[in-house]
Amino acid sequence: MNGWAGVINSAVAAFYVFLKYAKLYEHYQMAQYGARLLPEDAPAPPIPHRSQNAGHDS
């Protein structure tokens, strides 16, 4: 409805949704299979980090 700006906006929004679900699928696969799905020469998967202030009362 907004011409080319609408086309670009909908394409970017659709790609964002695709990436969101791809990342969720990747998360579940890593939780289920671990690093066994990665090639031998692949870098180590990232380790989630916690904020340094998490759990501390100031």
C-alpha atoms as a PDB file:
ATOM      1  CA  MET A   1       0.000   0.000   0.000  1.00  0.00           C
ATOM      2  CA  ASN A   2       2.976   2.314   0.422  1.00  0.00           C
ATOM      3  CA  GLY A   3       4.674   1.695  -2.914  1.00  0.00           C
ATOM      4  CA  TRP A   4       8.319   0.700  -2.938  1.00  0.00           C
ATOM      5  CA  ALA A   5       8.742   1.677   0.696  1.00  0.00           C
ATOM      6  CA  GLY A   6       6.037  -0.847   1.612  1.00  0.00           C
ATOM      7  CA  VAL A   7       7.625  -3.561  -0.517  1.00  0.00           C
ATOM      8  CA  ILE A   8      11.020  -3.015   1.095  1.00  0.00           C
ATOM      9  CA  ASN A   9       9.484  -2.831   4.562  1.00  0.00           C
ATOM     10  CA  SER A  10       7.566  -6.087   4.094  1.00  0.00           C
ATOM     11  CA  ALA A  11      10.659  -7.845   2.678  1.00  0.00           C
ATOM     12  CA  VAL A  12      12.776  -6.745   5.639  1.00  0.00           C
ATOM     13  CA  ALA A  13      10.054  -7.773   8.093  1.00  0.00           C
ATOM     14  CA  ALA A  14       9.690 -11.188   6.441  1.00  0.00           C
ATOM     15  CA  PHE A  15      13.452 -11.739   6.530  1.00  0.00           C
ATOM     16  CA  TYR A  16      13.490 -10.782  10.223  1.00  0.00           C
ATOM     17  CA  VAL A  17      10.821 -13.381  10.991  1.00  0.00           C
ATOM     18  CA  PHE A  18      12.755 -15.989   9.010  1.00  0.00           C
ATOM     19  CA  LEU A  19      15.942 -15.247  10.958  1.00  0.00           C
ATOM     20  CA  LYS A  20      14.062 -15.367  14.251  1.00  0.00           C
ATOM     21  CA  TYR A  21      12.693 -18.847  13.568  1.00  0.00           C
ATOM     22  CA  ALA A  22      15.993 -20.068  12.099  1.00  0.00           C
ATOM     23  CA  LYS A  23      17.794 -18.993  15.269  1.00  0.00           C
ATOM     24  CA  LEU A  24      15.158 -20.715  17.413  1.00  0.00           C
ATOM     25  CA  TYR A  25      15.537 -23.916  15.355  1.00  0.00           C
ATOM     26  CA  GLU A  26      19.322 -23.686  15.739  1.00  0.00           C
ATOM     27  CA  HIS A  27      18.943 -23.271  19.489  1.00  0.00           C
ATOM     28  CA  TYR A  28      16.781 -26.391  19.797  1.00  0.00           C
ATOM     29  CA  GLN A  29      19.125 -28.417  17.594  1.00  0.00           C
ATOM     30  CA  MET A  30      22.145 -27.407  19.706  1.00  0.00           C
ATOM     31  CA  ALA A  31      20.218 -28.264  22.882  1.00  0.00           C
ATOM     32  CA  GLN A  32      19.263 -31.690  21.523  1.00  0.00           C
ATOM     33  CA  TYR A  33      22.454 -32.723  19.724  1.00  0.00           C
ATOM     34  CA  GLY A  34      25.128 -30.393  21.075  1.00  0.00           C
ATOM     35  CA  ALA A  35      28.253 -29.852  19.010  1.00  0.00           C
ATOM     36  CA  ARG A  36      27.920 -33.265  17.292  1.00  0.00           C
ATOM     37  CA  LEU A  37      26.281 -31.572  14.301  1.00  0.00           C
ATOM     38  CA  LEU A  38      29.226 -29.247  13.734  1.00  0.00           C
ATOM     39  CA  PRO A  39      32.145 -30.112  11.453  1.00  0.00           C
ATOM     40  CA  GLU A  40      35.431 -31.073  13.110  1.00  0.00           C
ATOM     41  CA  ASP A  41      37.161 -27.802  12.180  1.00  0.00           C
ATOM     42  CA  ALA A  42      34.268 -25.547  13.212  1.00  0.00           C
ATOM     43  CA  PRO A  43      34.862 -22.974  15.965  1.00  0.00           C
ATOM     44  CA  ALA A  44      33.378 -23.705  19.364  1.00  0.00           C
ATOM     45  CA  PRO A  45      29.723 -22.658  19.769  1.00  0.00           C
ATOM     46  CA  PRO A  46      29.196 -19.437  21.712  1.00  0.00           C
ATOM     47  CA  ILE A  47      28.639 -19.763  25.446  1.00  0.00           C
ATOM     48  CA  PRO A  48      25.775 -17.630  26.780  1.00  0.00           C
ATOM     49  CA  HIS A  49      27.087 -15.079  29.217  1.00  0.00           C
ATOM     50  CA  ARG A  50      25.396 -13.485  32.145  1.00  0.00           C
ATOM     51  CA  SER A  51      25.555  -9.836  33.008  1.00  0.00           C
ATOM     52  CA  GLN A  52      28.128  -8.981  35.651  1.00  0.00           C
ATOM     53  CA  ASN A  53      25.448  -7.253  37.708  1.00  0.00           C
ATOM     54  CA  ALA A  54      22.974 -10.128  37.537  1.00  0.00           C
ATOM     55  CA  GLY A  55      21.913 -11.317  40.956  1.00  0.00           C
ATOM     56  CA  HIS A  56      23.635  -8.508  42.849  1.00  0.00           C
ATOM     57  CA  ASP A  57      21.736  -6.017  44.943  1.00  0.00           C
ATOM     58  CA  SER A  58      23.329  -2.573  44.874  1.00  0.00           C
END
